[in-house]
C-alpha atoms as a PDB file:
ATOM      1  CA  MET A   1      48.453  61.323 -15.183  1.00  0.00           C
ATOM      2  CA  CYS A   2      49.552  57.753 -14.460  1.00  0.00           C
ATOM      3  CA  ASN A   3      47.442  55.534 -12.272  1.00  0.00           C
ATOM      4  CA  ARG A   4      49.723  53.584 -10.587  1.00  0.00           C
ATOM      5  CA  ILE A   5      49.045  49.861  -9.612  1.00  0.00           C
ATOM      6  CA  GLU A   6      50.619  48.320  -6.415  1.00  0.00           C
ATOM      7  CA  THR A   7      51.233  44.272  -5.893  1.00  0.00           C
ATOM      8  CA  TYR A   8      51.745  42.664  -3.079  1.00  0.00           C
ATOM      9  CA  GLN A   9      52.866  39.089  -2.453  1.00  0.00           C
ATOM     10  CA  PRO A  10      49.944  36.868  -1.373  1.00  0.00           C
ATOM     11  CA  TYR A  11      49.655  35.875   2.290  1.00  0.00           C
ATOM     12  CA  SER A  12      46.872  33.437   3.886  1.00  0.00           C
ATOM     13  CA  PHE A  13      46.151  31.606   7.137  1.00  0.00           C
ATOM     14  CA  SER A  14      44.011  28.617   8.543  1.00  0.00           C
ATOM     15  CA  GLN A  15      42.745  27.771  11.479  1.00  0.00           C
ATOM     16  CA  LEU A  16      41.284  24.353  12.092  1.00  0.00           C
ATOM     17  CA  GLY A  17      39.022  25.717  15.263  1.00  0.00           C
ATOM     18  CA  GLN A  18      36.705  22.924  16.338  1.00  0.00           C
ATOM     19  CA  ARG A  19      36.566  21.010  13.073  1.00  0.00           C
ATOM     20  CA  GLU A  20      37.750  17.655  12.766  1.00  0.00           C
ATOM     21  CA  SER A  21      39.516  18.363   9.177  1.00  0.00           C
ATOM     22  CA  GLN A  22      40.064  21.996   7.108  1.00  0.00           C
ATOM     23  CA  GLN A  23      37.494  22.534   4.505  1.00  0.00           C
ATOM     24  CA  ASP A  24      38.544  25.456   3.247  1.00  0.00           C
ATOM     25  CA  SER A  25      40.503  26.294   0.391  1.00  0.00           C
ATOM     26  CA  ARG A  26      41.628  28.950  -1.273  1.00  0.00           C
ATOM     27  CA  PHE A  27      43.825  30.133  -4.448  1.00  0.00           C
ATOM     28  CA  PRO A  28      46.691  30.748  -5.793  1.00  0.00           C
ATOM     29  CA  ASP A  29      47.639  28.624  -2.463  1.00  0.00           C
ATOM     30  CA  CYS A  30      50.407  30.606  -1.432  1.00  0.00           C
ATOM     31  CA  ASP A  31      53.516  27.647  -1.340  1.00  0.00           C
ATOM     32  CA  THR A  32      53.589  28.179  -5.136  1.00  0.00           C
ATOM     33  CA  PRO A  33      52.613  31.524  -5.630  1.00  0.00           C
ATOM     34  CA  GLN A  34      51.596  32.488  -9.747  1.00  0.00           C
ATOM     35  CA  GLU A  35      53.246  35.456 -10.488  1.00  0.00           C
ATOM     36  CA  GLN A  36      50.678  36.453 -13.169  1.00  0.00           C
ATOM     37  CA  CYS A  37      47.878  35.768 -11.260  1.00  0.00           C
ATOM     38  CA  ARG A  38      45.697  38.660 -10.519  1.00  0.00           C
ATOM     39  CA  THR A  39      42.498  36.688  -8.950  1.00  0.00           C
ATOM     40  CA  PHE A  40      42.228  35.679  -5.443  1.00  0.00           C
ATOM     41  CA  VAL A  41      39.878  32.954  -4.125  1.00  0.00           C
ATOM     42  CA  VAL A  42      38.707  32.351  -0.947  1.00  0.00           C
ATOM     43  CA  CYS A  43      36.143  28.767  -0.454  1.00  0.00           C
ATOM     44  CA  ASP A  44      34.926  28.043   2.479  1.00  0.00           C
ATOM     45  CA  GLY A  45      33.917  24.233   3.367  1.00  0.00           C
ATOM     46  CA  VAL A  46      30.429  23.197   4.344  1.00  0.00           C
ATOM     47  CA  GLY A  47      30.490  23.762   7.500  1.00  0.00           C
ATOM     48  CA  GLY A  48      32.022  20.090   8.524  1.00  0.00           C
ATOM     49  CA  GLU A  49      29.059  18.684   6.224  1.00  0.00           C
ATOM     50  CA  ALA A  50      30.642  15.488   3.991  1.00  0.00           C
ATOM     51  CA  CYS A  51      33.293  16.215   1.502  1.00  0.00           C
ATOM     52  CA  GLY A  52      33.216  19.904   2.173  1.00  0.00           C
ATOM     53  CA  GLU A  53      37.163  19.855   1.471  1.00  0.00           C
ATOM     54  CA  ILE A  54      36.482  18.785  -2.013  1.00  0.00           C
ATOM     55  CA  ALA A  55      33.453  21.195  -2.617  1.00  0.00           C
ATOM     56  CA  SER A  56      35.857  23.664  -2.149  1.00  0.00           C
ATOM     57  CA  ARG A  57      39.116  22.378  -3.947  1.00  0.00           C
ATOM     58  CA  ILE A  58      37.095  22.202  -6.904  1.00  0.00           C
ATOM     59  CA  VAL A  59      36.078  25.725  -6.557  1.00  0.00           C
ATOM     60  CA  ALA A  60      39.541  26.963  -5.849  1.00  0.00           C
ATOM     61  CA  ASP A  61      41.071  24.514  -8.463  1.00  0.00           C
ATOM     62  CA  THR A  62      38.628  25.846 -11.348  1.00  0.00           C
END
């Protein structure tokens, strides 16, 4: 018996909502997908707190 693995092109979108800036991050960035990447990460910002975008980007990048 052979198990079939299906693959999909990653896709995401974000919505600013009521915040002044987007603090959420994702990996991989869908603008530059990485073919061998099998991990997808979504990092929520810190609800409008200072440097939330930096915190989520650090986590997504590492």
